[in-house]
Amino acid sequence: KSYFAVRAISVAAGPDKKMRIQLNGKPIFLLGPLDQGFWPDGLYSAPTDDALKSDIEVTKLLGFNFIRKHVKVEPARWYYWCDRLGVAVFQDMPSGDRSAPEHSKQKAEIIRTAESTSDFDAELKAMIDSRRQFPCIVAWVPFNEGWGQFDTVRIANWVKSYDPTRLVDPASGWNDFPVGDMHDIHDYPGPSAPKAEAKRASVLGEFGGLGLPIPGHLWVDTKKNWGYRRFTNRDALTEAYLKLAAKLRPLVTSHLSAAVYTQTTDCETEVNGLMTYDRELIKMDVAKIHAANTELVHLLDSQNAK
């Protein structure tokens, strides 16, 4: 037995003439967490299938409608649950090799050896081949923040030709090249948006990173943990997130197509998760976050109805 889904993902001008990501021909705003998929007991391996499912269920509980799977390829069951639960996915290619300079005015890339280039090309193809049957995946992301970034134009064009059923986010953050389906920036805590373009959608590939260390749920001592901003209690953390959500509203109504909040869970020394690393606590007020996120993902509904 198996299953299938019928859906179209594209970038096109909406009723407001702005280039937007569209699902089945209608503009959609994608809002979701950066998901590294780390576990304190198994690192890259989740303890159970139910655990894989639970992270996605919490993502939906908080009002998000998509996930950026960050520099990791999950077991097939994770994508199965995204399909069944109804969550869109941007799938990163795992990073490797050296890093290109950050925010380079020359749009710098690294030069890989022939062996490194061959390995990357083969592994990128293998990732697409092994996961392309899952309709939840709506975009491939070859590079993250310059890490191993090379031949961006060639690779983005190859991915688009190899799998034209999905979007291509050529480089999430840092060094953008005029290729692919979107211009993706990172801004901590943000939010902000790339300028509207004539052919590509605007994406905020990472923002937020609001940290709250909770004793008893940490990987290391409290003093060694970090977030882009640190808070001391749940209420303050929730209020800070709501302020970021309020700043997102005019960006969405203007032209922003997607935003990725850092991150689903704490990850070792990083304490900027929506949940603790052990998944025992959701660190913000669920009802308030759900309401704010739901409002954001439905901001374009009135536009679609016209």
C-alpha atoms as a PDB file:
ATOM      1  CA  LYS A   1       0.000   0.000   0.000  1.00  0.00           C
ATOM      2  CA  SER A   2       1.069   3.571  -0.547  1.00  0.00           C
ATOM      3  CA  TYR A   3      -0.372   7.056  -1.038  1.00  0.00           C
ATOM      4  CA  PHE A   4       0.033  10.105  -3.235  1.00  0.00           C
ATOM      5  CA  ALA A   5      -0.778  13.786  -3.206  1.00  0.00           C
ATOM      6  CA  VAL A   6      -1.584  16.304  -5.911  1.00  0.00           C
ATOM      7  CA  ARG A   7      -0.159  19.770  -5.350  1.00  0.00           C
ATOM      8  CA  ALA A   8       1.625  22.484  -7.273  1.00  0.00           C
ATOM      9  CA  ILE A   9       4.232  24.817  -5.806  1.00  0.00           C
ATOM     10  CA  SER A  10       5.366  27.854  -7.782  1.00  0.00           C
ATOM     11  CA  VAL A  11       6.557  31.443  -7.658  1.00  0.00           C
ATOM     12  CA  ALA A  12       4.342  33.872  -9.522  1.00  0.00           C
ATOM     13  CA  ALA A  13       2.839  37.339  -9.238  1.00  0.00           C
ATOM     14  CA  GLY A  14      -0.123  37.466  -6.880  1.00  0.00           C
ATOM     15  CA  PRO A  15      -3.151  39.744  -7.155  1.00  0.00           C
ATOM     16  CA  ASP A  16      -0.975  42.558  -5.763  1.00  0.00           C
ATOM     17  CA  LYS A  17       1.562  41.983  -8.595  1.00  0.00           C
ATOM     18  CA  LYS A  18       4.248  40.940  -6.058  1.00  0.00           C
ATOM     19  CA  MET A  19       6.199  37.734  -6.652  1.00  0.00           C
ATOM     20  CA  ARG A  20       5.082  35.217  -4.081  1.00  0.00           C
ATOM     21  CA  ILE A  21       5.322  31.527  -3.332  1.00  0.00           C
ATOM     22  CA  GLN A  22       2.050  29.974  -4.441  1.00  0.00           C
ATOM     23  CA  LEU A  23       0.427  26.692  -3.465  1.00  0.00           C
ATOM     24  CA  ASN A  24      -2.006  25.376  -6.060  1.00  0.00           C
ATOM     25  CA  GLY A  25      -2.010  28.740  -7.796  1.00  0.00           C
ATOM     26  CA  LYS A  26      -2.739  30.846  -4.699  1.00  0.00           C
ATOM     27  CA  PRO A  27      -0.267  32.979  -2.706  1.00  0.00           C
ATOM     28  CA  ILE A  28       0.671  31.408   0.604  1.00  0.00           C
ATOM     29  CA  PHE A  29       2.756  32.633   3.522  1.00  0.00           C
ATOM     30  CA  LEU A  30       4.959  29.884   4.904  1.00  0.00           C
ATOM     31  CA  LEU A  31       5.873  30.239   8.585  1.00  0.00           C
ATOM     32  CA  GLY A  32       7.829  27.581  10.375  1.00  0.00           C
ATOM     33  CA  PRO A  33      10.776  26.648  12.546  1.00  0.00           C
ATOM     34  CA  LEU A  34      14.341  25.760  11.684  1.00  0.00           C
ATOM     35  CA  ASP A  35      14.493  22.064  12.580  1.00  0.00           C
ATOM     36  CA  GLN A  36      17.928  20.515  13.165  1.00  0.00           C
ATOM     37  CA  GLY A  37      16.529  17.159  14.255  1.00  0.00           C
ATOM     38  CA  PHE A  38      18.998  16.564  17.100  1.00  0.00           C
ATOM     39  CA  TRP A  39      18.178  14.356  20.108  1.00  0.00           C
ATOM     40  CA  PRO A  40      20.032  14.302  23.452  1.00  0.00           C
ATOM     41  CA  ASP A  41      20.199  10.507  23.592  1.00  0.00           C
ATOM     42  CA  GLY A  42      20.664   9.610  19.917  1.00  0.00           C
ATOM     43  CA  LEU A  43      22.009  12.837  18.376  1.00  0.00           C
ATOM     44  CA  TYR A  44      20.950  12.337  14.714  1.00  0.00           C
ATOM     45  CA  SER A  45      18.716   9.364  15.623  1.00  0.00           C
ATOM     46  CA  ALA A  46      15.285   9.860  17.161  1.00  0.00           C
ATOM     47  CA  PRO A  47      14.375   7.304  19.845  1.00  0.00           C
ATOM     48  CA  THR A  48      11.072   6.243  18.244  1.00  0.00           C
ATOM     49  CA  ASP A  49       8.734   6.850  15.339  1.00  0.00           C
ATOM     50  CA  ASP A  50       6.344   8.523  17.779  1.00  0.00           C
ATOM     51  CA  ALA A  51       9.113  10.960  18.695  1.00  0.00           C
ATOM     52  CA  LEU A  52       9.560  11.930  15.038  1.00  0.00           C
ATOM     53  CA  LYS A  53       5.820  12.477  14.786  1.00  0.00           C
ATOM     54  CA  SER A  54       5.627  14.441  18.040  1.00  0.00           C
ATOM     55  CA  ASP A  55       8.026  17.191  16.914  1.00  0.00           C
ATOM     56  CA  ILE A  56       5.836  17.803  13.865  1.00  0.00           C
ATOM     57  CA  GLU A  57       2.655  17.735  15.956  1.00  0.00           C
ATOM     58  CA  VAL A  58       4.070  20.413  18.276  1.00  0.00           C
ATOM     59  CA  THR A  59       5.028  22.489  15.234  1.00  0.00           C
ATOM     60  CA  LYS A  60       1.392  22.413  14.107  1.00  0.00           C
ATOM     61  CA  LEU A  61       0.119  22.970  17.662  1.00  0.00           C
ATOM     62  CA  LEU A  62       2.027  26.257  17.695  1.00  0.00           C
ATOM     63  CA  GLY A  63       0.334  27.377  14.472  1.00  0.00           C
ATOM     64  CA  PHE A  64       3.196  26.864  12.006  1.00  0.00           C
ATOM     65  CA  ASN A  65       2.510  25.471   8.516  1.00  0.00           C
ATOM     66  CA  PHE A  66       5.991  24.503   7.360  1.00  0.00           C
ATOM     67  CA  ILE A  67       9.455  23.369   8.470  1.00  0.00           C
ATOM     68  CA  ARG A  68      12.940  24.098   7.193  1.00  0.00           C
ATOM     69  CA  LYS A  69      14.821  20.836   7.702  1.00  0.00           C
ATOM     70  CA  HIS A  70      18.278  22.174   8.505  1.00  0.00           C
ATOM     71  CA  VAL A  71      21.403  20.576   6.971  1.00  0.00           C
ATOM     72  CA  LYS A  72      20.158  17.066   7.748  1.00  0.00           C
ATOM     73  CA  VAL A  73      18.314  14.382   5.802  1.00  0.00           C
ATOM     74  CA  GLU A  74      15.762  12.621   8.001  1.00  0.00           C
ATOM     75  CA  PRO A  75      14.590   9.001   7.864  1.00  0.00           C
ATOM     76  CA  ALA A  76      11.734   8.476   5.432  1.00  0.00           C
ATOM     77  CA  ARG A  77       9.237   8.220   8.305  1.00  0.00           C
ATOM     78  CA  TRP A  78       9.775  11.873   9.206  1.00  0.00           C
ATOM     79  CA  TYR A  79       8.636  12.988   5.722  1.00  0.00           C
ATOM     80  CA  TYR A  80       5.772  10.489   5.878  1.00  0.00           C
ATOM     81  CA  TRP A  81       4.479  12.224   8.991  1.00  0.00           C
ATOM     82  CA  CYS A  82       4.867  15.636   7.350  1.00  0.00           C
ATOM     83  CA  ASP A  83       2.787  14.325   4.451  1.00  0.00           C
ATOM     84  CA  ARG A  84       0.119  12.868   6.729  1.00  0.00           C
ATOM     85  CA  LEU A  85      -0.036  15.827   9.111  1.00  0.00           C
ATOM     86  CA  GLY A  86       0.048  18.456   6.362  1.00  0.00           C
ATOM     87  CA  VAL A  87       3.304  20.381   6.783  1.00  0.00           C
ATOM     88  CA  ALA A  88       5.368  21.806   3.916  1.00  0.00           C
ATOM     89  CA  VAL A  89       9.144  21.294   3.988  1.00  0.00           C
ATOM     90  CA  PHE A  90      12.191  23.162   2.703  1.00  0.00           C
ATOM     91  CA  GLN A  91      14.908  20.497   2.558  1.00  0.00           C
ATOM     92  CA  ASP A  92      18.520  21.581   3.087  1.00  0.00           C
ATOM     93  CA  MET A  93      21.494  19.823   1.588  1.00  0.00           C
ATOM     94  CA  PRO A  94      23.891  18.926   4.447  1.00  0.00           C
ATOM     95  CA  SER A  95      26.822  21.332   4.495  1.00  0.00           C
ATOM     96  CA  GLY A  96      30.445  20.397   3.996  1.00  0.00           C
ATOM     97  CA  ASP A  97      33.926  21.632   3.107  1.00  0.00           C
ATOM     98  CA  ARG A  98      35.057  25.165   4.023  1.00  0.00           C
ATOM     99  CA  SER A  99      32.944  28.287   4.404  1.00  0.00           C
ATOM    100  CA  ALA A 100      32.797  31.194   1.997  1.00  0.00           C
ATOM    101  CA  PRO A 101      33.275  34.682   3.524  1.00  0.00           C
ATOM    102  CA  GLU A 102      30.182  36.052   5.248  1.00  0.00           C
ATOM    103  CA  HIS A 103      28.267  38.849   3.526  1.00  0.00           C
ATOM    104  CA  SER A 104      30.985  39.257   0.906  1.00  0.00           C
ATOM    105  CA  LYS A 105      30.550  42.210  -1.436  1.00  0.00           C
ATOM    106  CA  GLN A 106      32.059  40.018  -4.135  1.00  0.00           C
ATOM    107  CA  LYS A 107      29.456  37.268  -3.592  1.00  0.00           C
ATOM    108  CA  ALA A 108      32.332  34.972  -2.726  1.00  0.00           C
ATOM    109  CA  GLU A 109      32.302  31.237  -3.169  1.00  0.00           C
ATOM    110  CA  ILE A 110      34.901  28.644  -2.320  1.00  0.00           C
ATOM    111  CA  ILE A 111      36.775  26.617  -4.915  1.00  0.00           C
ATOM    112  CA  ARG A 112      36.407  22.912  -4.165  1.00  0.00           C
ATOM    113  CA  THR A 113      38.769  20.196  -5.231  1.00  0.00           C
ATOM    114  CA  ALA A 114      37.607  17.903  -8.023  1.00  0.00           C
ATOM    115  CA  GLU A 115      37.006  15.166  -5.448  1.00  0.00           C
ATOM    116  CA  SER A 116      34.973  17.438  -3.170  1.00  0.00           C
ATOM    117  CA  THR A 117      32.926  18.701  -6.146  1.00  0.00           C
ATOM    118  CA  SER A 118      32.228  15.153  -7.290  1.00  0.00           C
ATOM    119  CA  ASP A 119      31.185  14.093  -3.784  1.00  0.00           C
ATOM    120  CA  PHE A 120      28.833  17.061  -3.380  1.00  0.00           C
ATOM    121  CA  ASP A 121      27.185  16.555  -6.760  1.00  0.00           C
ATOM    122  CA  ALA A 122      26.671  12.842  -6.110  1.00  0.00           C
ATOM    123  CA  GLU A 123      25.292  13.332  -2.605  1.00  0.00           C
ATOM    124  CA  LEU A 124      22.954  16.132  -3.706  1.00  0.00           C
ATOM    125  CA  LYS A 125      21.526  13.883  -6.415  1.00  0.00           C
ATOM    126  CA  ALA A 126      21.230  11.010  -3.942  1.00  0.00           C
ATOM    127  CA  MET A 127      19.320  13.210  -1.484  1.00  0.00           C
ATOM    128  CA  ILE A 128      16.855  14.304  -4.155  1.00  0.00           C
ATOM    129  CA  ASP A 129      16.436  10.783  -5.518  1.00  0.00           C
ATOM    130  CA  SER A 130      15.811   9.306  -2.075  1.00  0.00           C
ATOM    131  CA  ARG A 131      13.272  11.904  -0.912  1.00  0.00           C
ATOM    132  CA  ARG A 132      11.617  13.257  -4.059  1.00  0.00           C
ATOM    133  CA  GLN A 133       8.598  10.964  -3.659  1.00  0.00           C
ATOM    134  CA  PHE A 134       7.438  12.892  -0.570  1.00  0.00           C
ATOM    135  CA  PRO A 135       5.021  15.661  -1.630  1.00  0.00           C
ATOM    136  CA  CYS A 136       5.599  17.598   1.613  1.00  0.00           C
ATOM    137  CA  ILE A 137       8.964  18.752   0.228  1.00  0.00           C
ATOM    138  CA  VAL A 138       8.301  21.936  -1.728  1.00  0.00           C
ATOM    139  CA  ALA A 139      11.848  23.346  -2.030  1.00  0.00           C
ATOM    140  CA  TRP A 140      15.472  22.198  -2.131  1.00  0.00           C
ATOM    141  CA  VAL A 141      18.136  24.340  -0.408  1.00  0.00           C
ATOM    142  CA  PRO A 142      21.663  23.533  -1.686  1.00  0.00           C
ATOM    143  CA  PHE A 143      23.617  25.901   0.593  1.00  0.00           C
ATOM    144  CA  ASN A 144      23.359  27.460   4.043  1.00  0.00           C
ATOM    145  CA  GLU A 145      25.221  30.657   5.040  1.00  0.00           C
ATOM    146  CA  GLY A 146      28.153  30.157   2.697  1.00  0.00           C
ATOM    147  CA  TRP A 147      29.168  26.811   4.228  1.00  0.00           C
ATOM    148  CA  GLY A 148      30.719  24.904   1.341  1.00  0.00           C
ATOM    149  CA  GLN A 149      29.036  27.283  -1.128  1.00  0.00           C
ATOM    150  CA  PHE A 150      30.444  26.936  -4.648  1.00  0.00           C
ATOM    151  CA  ASP A 151      29.179  26.917  -8.241  1.00  0.00           C
ATOM    152  CA  THR A 152      25.892  28.367  -6.947  1.00  0.00           C
ATOM    153  CA  VAL A 153      24.464  29.220 -10.353  1.00  0.00           C
ATOM    154  CA  ARG A 154      25.358  25.846 -11.870  1.00  0.00           C
ATOM    155  CA  ILE A 155      23.991  23.881  -8.944  1.00  0.00           C
ATOM    156  CA  ALA A 156      20.770  25.854  -8.584  1.00  0.00           C
ATOM    157  CA  ASN A 157      20.051  25.527 -12.293  1.00  0.00           C
ATOM    158  CA  TRP A 158      20.820  21.799 -12.215  1.00  0.00           C
ATOM    159  CA  VAL A 159      18.479  21.189  -9.262  1.00  0.00           C
ATOM    160  CA  LYS A 160      15.689  23.095 -11.004  1.00  0.00           C
ATOM    161  CA  SER A 161      16.118  21.123 -14.222  1.00  0.00           C
ATOM    162  CA  TYR A 162      16.427  17.801 -12.391  1.00  0.00           C
ATOM    163  CA  ASP A 163      13.294  18.388 -10.281  1.00  0.00           C
ATOM    164  CA  PRO A 164      11.107  21.069 -11.878  1.00  0.00           C
ATOM    165  CA  THR A 165       8.203  20.113  -9.570  1.00  0.00           C
ATOM    166  CA  ARG A 166       9.829  22.004  -6.687  1.00  0.00           C
ATOM    167  CA  LEU A 167      11.291  25.399  -5.892  1.00  0.00           C
ATOM    168  CA  VAL A 168      15.002  26.068  -5.450  1.00  0.00           C
ATOM    169  CA  ASP A 169      16.334  28.263  -2.640  1.00  0.00           C
ATOM    170  CA  PRO A 170      19.910  28.551  -3.950  1.00  0.00           C
ATOM    171  CA  ALA A 171      21.530  29.822  -0.750  1.00  0.00           C
ATOM    172  CA  SER A 172      19.830  30.424   2.576  1.00  0.00           C
ATOM    173  CA  GLY A 173      21.476  33.515   4.025  1.00  0.00           C
ATOM    174  CA  TRP A 174      24.665  35.447   3.269  1.00  0.00           C
ATOM    175  CA  ASN A 175      25.844  35.294  -0.365  1.00  0.00           C
ATOM    176  CA  ASP A 176      23.001  35.565  -2.848  1.00  0.00           C
ATOM    177  CA  PHE A 177      23.307  35.020  -6.584  1.00  0.00           C
ATOM    178  CA  PRO A 178      20.541  36.010  -9.069  1.00  0.00           C
ATOM    179  CA  VAL A 179      19.364  32.449  -9.650  1.00  0.00           C
ATOM    180  CA  GLY A 180      16.697  30.104  -8.352  1.00  0.00           C
ATOM    181  CA  ASP A 181      13.183  30.885  -7.163  1.00  0.00           C
ATOM    182  CA  MET A 182      13.867  33.034  -4.107  1.00  0.00           C
ATOM    183  CA  HIS A 183      16.199  35.494  -2.413  1.00  0.00           C
ATOM    184  CA  ASP A 184      16.768  34.284   1.147  1.00  0.00           C
ATOM    185  CA  ILE A 185      18.317  36.366   3.943  1.00  0.00           C
ATOM    186  CA  HIS A 186      19.005  35.744   7.645  1.00  0.00           C
ATOM    187  CA  ASP A 187      18.374  38.388  10.296  1.00  0.00           C
ATOM    188  CA  TYR A 188      18.751  37.880  14.072  1.00  0.00           C
ATOM    189  CA  PRO A 189      16.615  38.653  15.853  1.00  0.00           C
ATOM    190  CA  GLY A 190      14.917  40.469  12.960  1.00  0.00           C
ATOM    191  CA  PRO A 191      12.611  40.277  11.247  1.00  0.00           C
ATOM    192  CA  SER A 192      13.300  41.860   7.876  1.00  0.00           C
ATOM    193  CA  ALA A 193      12.847  40.940   4.228  1.00  0.00           C
ATOM    194  CA  PRO A 194      14.856  41.074   1.013  1.00  0.00           C
ATOM    195  CA  LYS A 195      13.679  43.730  -1.418  1.00  0.00           C
ATOM    196  CA  ALA A 196      10.896  42.667  -3.741  1.00  0.00           C
ATOM    197  CA  GLU A 197      12.196  41.317  -7.052  1.00  0.00           C
ATOM    198  CA  ALA A 198      10.691  40.930 -10.507  1.00  0.00           C
ATOM    199  CA  LYS A 199      11.254  37.172 -10.807  1.00  0.00           C
ATOM    200  CA  ARG A 200      11.972  35.711  -7.366  1.00  0.00           C
ATOM    201  CA  ALA A 201      10.109  35.474  -4.065  1.00  0.00           C
ATOM    202  CA  SER A 202      11.483  37.035  -0.883  1.00  0.00           C
ATOM    203  CA  VAL A 203      12.267  34.719   2.039  1.00  0.00           C
ATOM    204  CA  LEU A 204      13.522  35.275   5.587  1.00  0.00           C
ATOM    205  CA  GLY A 205      15.420  32.004   5.971  1.00  0.00           C
ATOM    206  CA  GLU A 206      16.268  32.500   9.668  1.00  0.00           C
ATOM    207  CA  PHE A 207      15.232  34.947  12.361  1.00  0.00           C
ATOM    208  CA  GLY A 208      14.468  35.021  16.085  1.00  0.00           C
ATOM    209  CA  GLY A 209      16.826  32.810  18.041  1.00  0.00           C
ATOM    210  CA  LEU A 210      15.330  33.930  21.363  1.00  0.00           C
ATOM    211  CA  GLY A 211      17.010  32.022  24.167  1.00  0.00           C
ATOM    212  CA  LEU A 212      15.676  30.728  27.494  1.00  0.00           C
ATOM    213  CA  PRO A 213      17.814  28.293  29.517  1.00  0.00           C
ATOM    214  CA  ILE A 214      15.688  26.126  31.811  1.00  0.00           C
ATOM    215  CA  PRO A 215      17.579  24.383  34.630  1.00  0.00           C
ATOM    216  CA  GLY A 216      17.071  20.648  34.657  1.00  0.00           C
ATOM    217  CA  HIS A 217      16.610  20.560  30.871  1.00  0.00           C
ATOM    218  CA  LEU A 218      20.057  21.652  29.687  1.00  0.00           C
ATOM    219  CA  TRP A 219      22.877  19.925  27.819  1.00  0.00           C
ATOM    220  CA  VAL A 220      25.591  21.819  29.730  1.00  0.00           C
ATOM    221  CA  ASP A 221      25.831  24.325  32.574  1.00  0.00           C
ATOM    222  CA  THR A 222      23.618  27.400  32.235  1.00  0.00           C
ATOM    223  CA  LYS A 223      26.556  29.801  31.795  1.00  0.00           C
ATOM    224  CA  LYS A 224      27.770  27.925  28.715  1.00  0.00           C
ATOM    225  CA  ASN A 225      24.466  28.115  26.853  1.00  0.00           C
ATOM    226  CA  TRP A 226      23.558  30.843  24.377  1.00  0.00           C
ATOM    227  CA  GLY A 227      20.824  32.407  22.289  1.00  0.00           C
ATOM    228  CA  TYR A 228      20.810  35.504  20.104  1.00  0.00           C
ATOM    229  CA  ARG A 229      18.915  37.158  22.943  1.00  0.00           C
ATOM    230  CA  ARG A 230      18.509  35.717  26.428  1.00  0.00           C
ATOM    231  CA  PHE A 231      15.423  35.744  28.618  1.00  0.00           C
ATOM    232  CA  THR A 232      14.819  34.600  32.166  1.00  0.00           C
ATOM    233  CA  ASN A 233      11.216  33.412  32.133  1.00  0.00           C
ATOM    234  CA  ARG A 234       8.468  32.016  29.914  1.00  0.00           C
ATOM    235  CA  ASP A 235       6.301  35.147  29.902  1.00  0.00           C
ATOM    236  CA  ALA A 236       9.137  37.404  28.752  1.00  0.00           C
ATOM    237  CA  LEU A 237      10.088  34.921  26.030  1.00  0.00           C
ATOM    238  CA  THR A 238       6.494  34.725  24.806  1.00  0.00           C
ATOM    239  CA  GLU A 239       6.136  38.499  24.729  1.00  0.00           C
ATOM    240  CA  ALA A 240       9.374  38.838  22.752  1.00  0.00           C
ATOM    241  CA  TYR A 241       8.140  36.351  20.158  1.00  0.00           C
ATOM    242  CA  LEU A 242       4.813  38.180  19.860  1.00  0.00           C
ATOM    243  CA  LYS A 243       6.698  41.416  19.137  1.00  0.00           C
ATOM    244  CA  LEU A 244       8.602  39.682  16.334  1.00  0.00           C
ATOM    245  CA  ALA A 245       5.322  38.319  14.947  1.00  0.00           C
ATOM    246  CA  ALA A 246       3.830  41.825  14.950  1.00  0.00           C
ATOM    247  CA  LYS A 247       6.820  43.082  12.957  1.00  0.00           C
ATOM    248  CA  LEU A 248       6.319  40.285  10.427  1.00  0.00           C
ATOM    249  CA  ARG A 249       2.758  41.385   9.535  1.00  0.00           C
ATOM    250  CA  PRO A 250       3.634  44.411   7.352  1.00  0.00           C
ATOM    251  CA  LEU A 251       6.392  42.406   5.658  1.00  0.00           C
ATOM    252  CA  VAL A 252       3.922  39.651   4.739  1.00  0.00           C
ATOM    253  CA  THR A 253       1.289  42.040   3.434  1.00  0.00           C
ATOM    254  CA  SER A 254       4.011  43.802   1.446  1.00  0.00           C
ATOM    255  CA  HIS A 255       5.845  40.904  -0.242  1.00  0.00           C
ATOM    256  CA  LEU A 256       7.477  38.373   2.144  1.00  0.00           C
ATOM    257  CA  SER A 257       6.701  34.764   1.196  1.00  0.00           C
ATOM    258  CA  ALA A 258       8.249  32.728   4.021  1.00  0.00           C
ATOM    259  CA  ALA A 259       9.888  33.126   7.425  1.00  0.00           C
ATOM    260  CA  VAL A 260      11.836  30.582   9.458  1.00  0.00           C
ATOM    261  CA  TYR A 261      12.081  30.952  13.249  1.00  0.00           C
ATOM    262  CA  THR A 262      15.132  29.530  15.010  1.00  0.00           C
ATOM    263  CA  GLN A 263      14.311  26.877  16.195  1.00  0.00           C
ATOM    264  CA  THR A 264      12.177  23.795  16.971  1.00  0.00           C
ATOM    265  CA  THR A 265      14.121  22.629  20.019  1.00  0.00           C
ATOM    266  CA  ASP A 266      17.157  23.555  22.031  1.00  0.00           C
ATOM    267  CA  CYS A 267      20.209  21.863  20.520  1.00  0.00           C
ATOM    268  CA  GLU A 268      23.089  21.071  22.872  1.00  0.00           C
ATOM    269  CA  THR A 269      24.448  24.511  23.869  1.00  0.00           C
ATOM    270  CA  GLU A 270      21.803  26.400  21.869  1.00  0.00           C
ATOM    271  CA  VAL A 271      18.846  27.336  24.090  1.00  0.00           C
ATOM    272  CA  ASN A 272      16.739  29.154  21.492  1.00  0.00           C
ATOM    273  CA  GLY A 273      14.270  26.340  20.928  1.00  0.00           C
ATOM    274  CA  LEU A 274      10.503  26.420  21.091  1.00  0.00           C
ATOM    275  CA  MET A 275      10.963  23.269  23.182  1.00  0.00           C
ATOM    276  CA  THR A 276      13.675  22.091  25.537  1.00  0.00           C
ATOM    277  CA  TYR A 277      16.187  19.626  24.104  1.00  0.00           C
ATOM    278  CA  ASP A 278      14.516  16.736  25.953  1.00  0.00           C
ATOM    279  CA  ARG A 279      11.113  17.760  24.514  1.00  0.00           C
ATOM    280  CA  GLU A 280       9.597  17.835  28.003  1.00  0.00           C
ATOM    281  CA  LEU A 281       8.622  21.520  27.932  1.00  0.00           C
ATOM    282  CA  ILE A 282       7.222  23.955  25.386  1.00  0.00           C
ATOM    283  CA  LYS A 283       8.914  27.176  26.446  1.00  0.00           C
ATOM    284  CA  MET A 284       6.288  29.706  25.330  1.00  0.00           C
ATOM    285  CA  ASP A 285       2.565  30.189  25.950  1.00  0.00           C
ATOM    286  CA  VAL A 286       1.032  27.783  23.427  1.00  0.00           C
ATOM    287  CA  ALA A 287      -2.304  29.571  23.013  1.00  0.00           C
ATOM    288  CA  LYS A 288      -0.717  32.986  22.423  1.00  0.00           C
ATOM    289  CA  ILE A 289       1.873  31.684  19.970  1.00  0.00           C
ATOM    290  CA  HIS A 290      -0.723  29.641  18.090  1.00  0.00           C
ATOM    291  CA  ALA A 291      -2.982  32.686  17.741  1.00  0.00           C
ATOM    292  CA  ALA A 292      -0.184  34.938  16.484  1.00  0.00           C
ATOM    293  CA  ASN A 293       1.113  32.375  14.007  1.00  0.00           C
ATOM    294  CA  THR A 294      -2.344  31.485  12.722  1.00  0.00           C
ATOM    295  CA  GLU A 295      -3.014  35.146  12.018  1.00  0.00           C
ATOM    296  CA  LEU A 296       0.213  35.404  10.036  1.00  0.00           C
ATOM    297  CA  VAL A 297      -0.345  32.313   7.876  1.00  0.00           C
ATOM    298  CA  HIS A 298      -3.835  33.551   6.985  1.00  0.00           C
ATOM    299  CA  LEU A 299      -2.878  37.155   6.187  1.00  0.00           C
ATOM    300  CA  LEU A 300      -3.087  36.514   2.446  1.00  0.00           C
ATOM    301  CA  ASP A 301      -6.500  34.827   2.587  1.00  0.00           C
ATOM    302  CA  SER A 302      -8.368  38.063   1.838  1.00  0.00           C
ATOM    303  CA  GLN A 303      -6.054  38.717  -1.094  1.00  0.00           C
ATOM    304  CA  ASN A 304      -6.775  35.233  -2.471  1.00  0.00           C
ATOM    305  CA  ALA A 305     -10.510  35.789  -2.140  1.00  0.00           C
ATOM    306  CA  LYS A 306     -10.471  38.823  -4.419  1.00  0.00           C
END
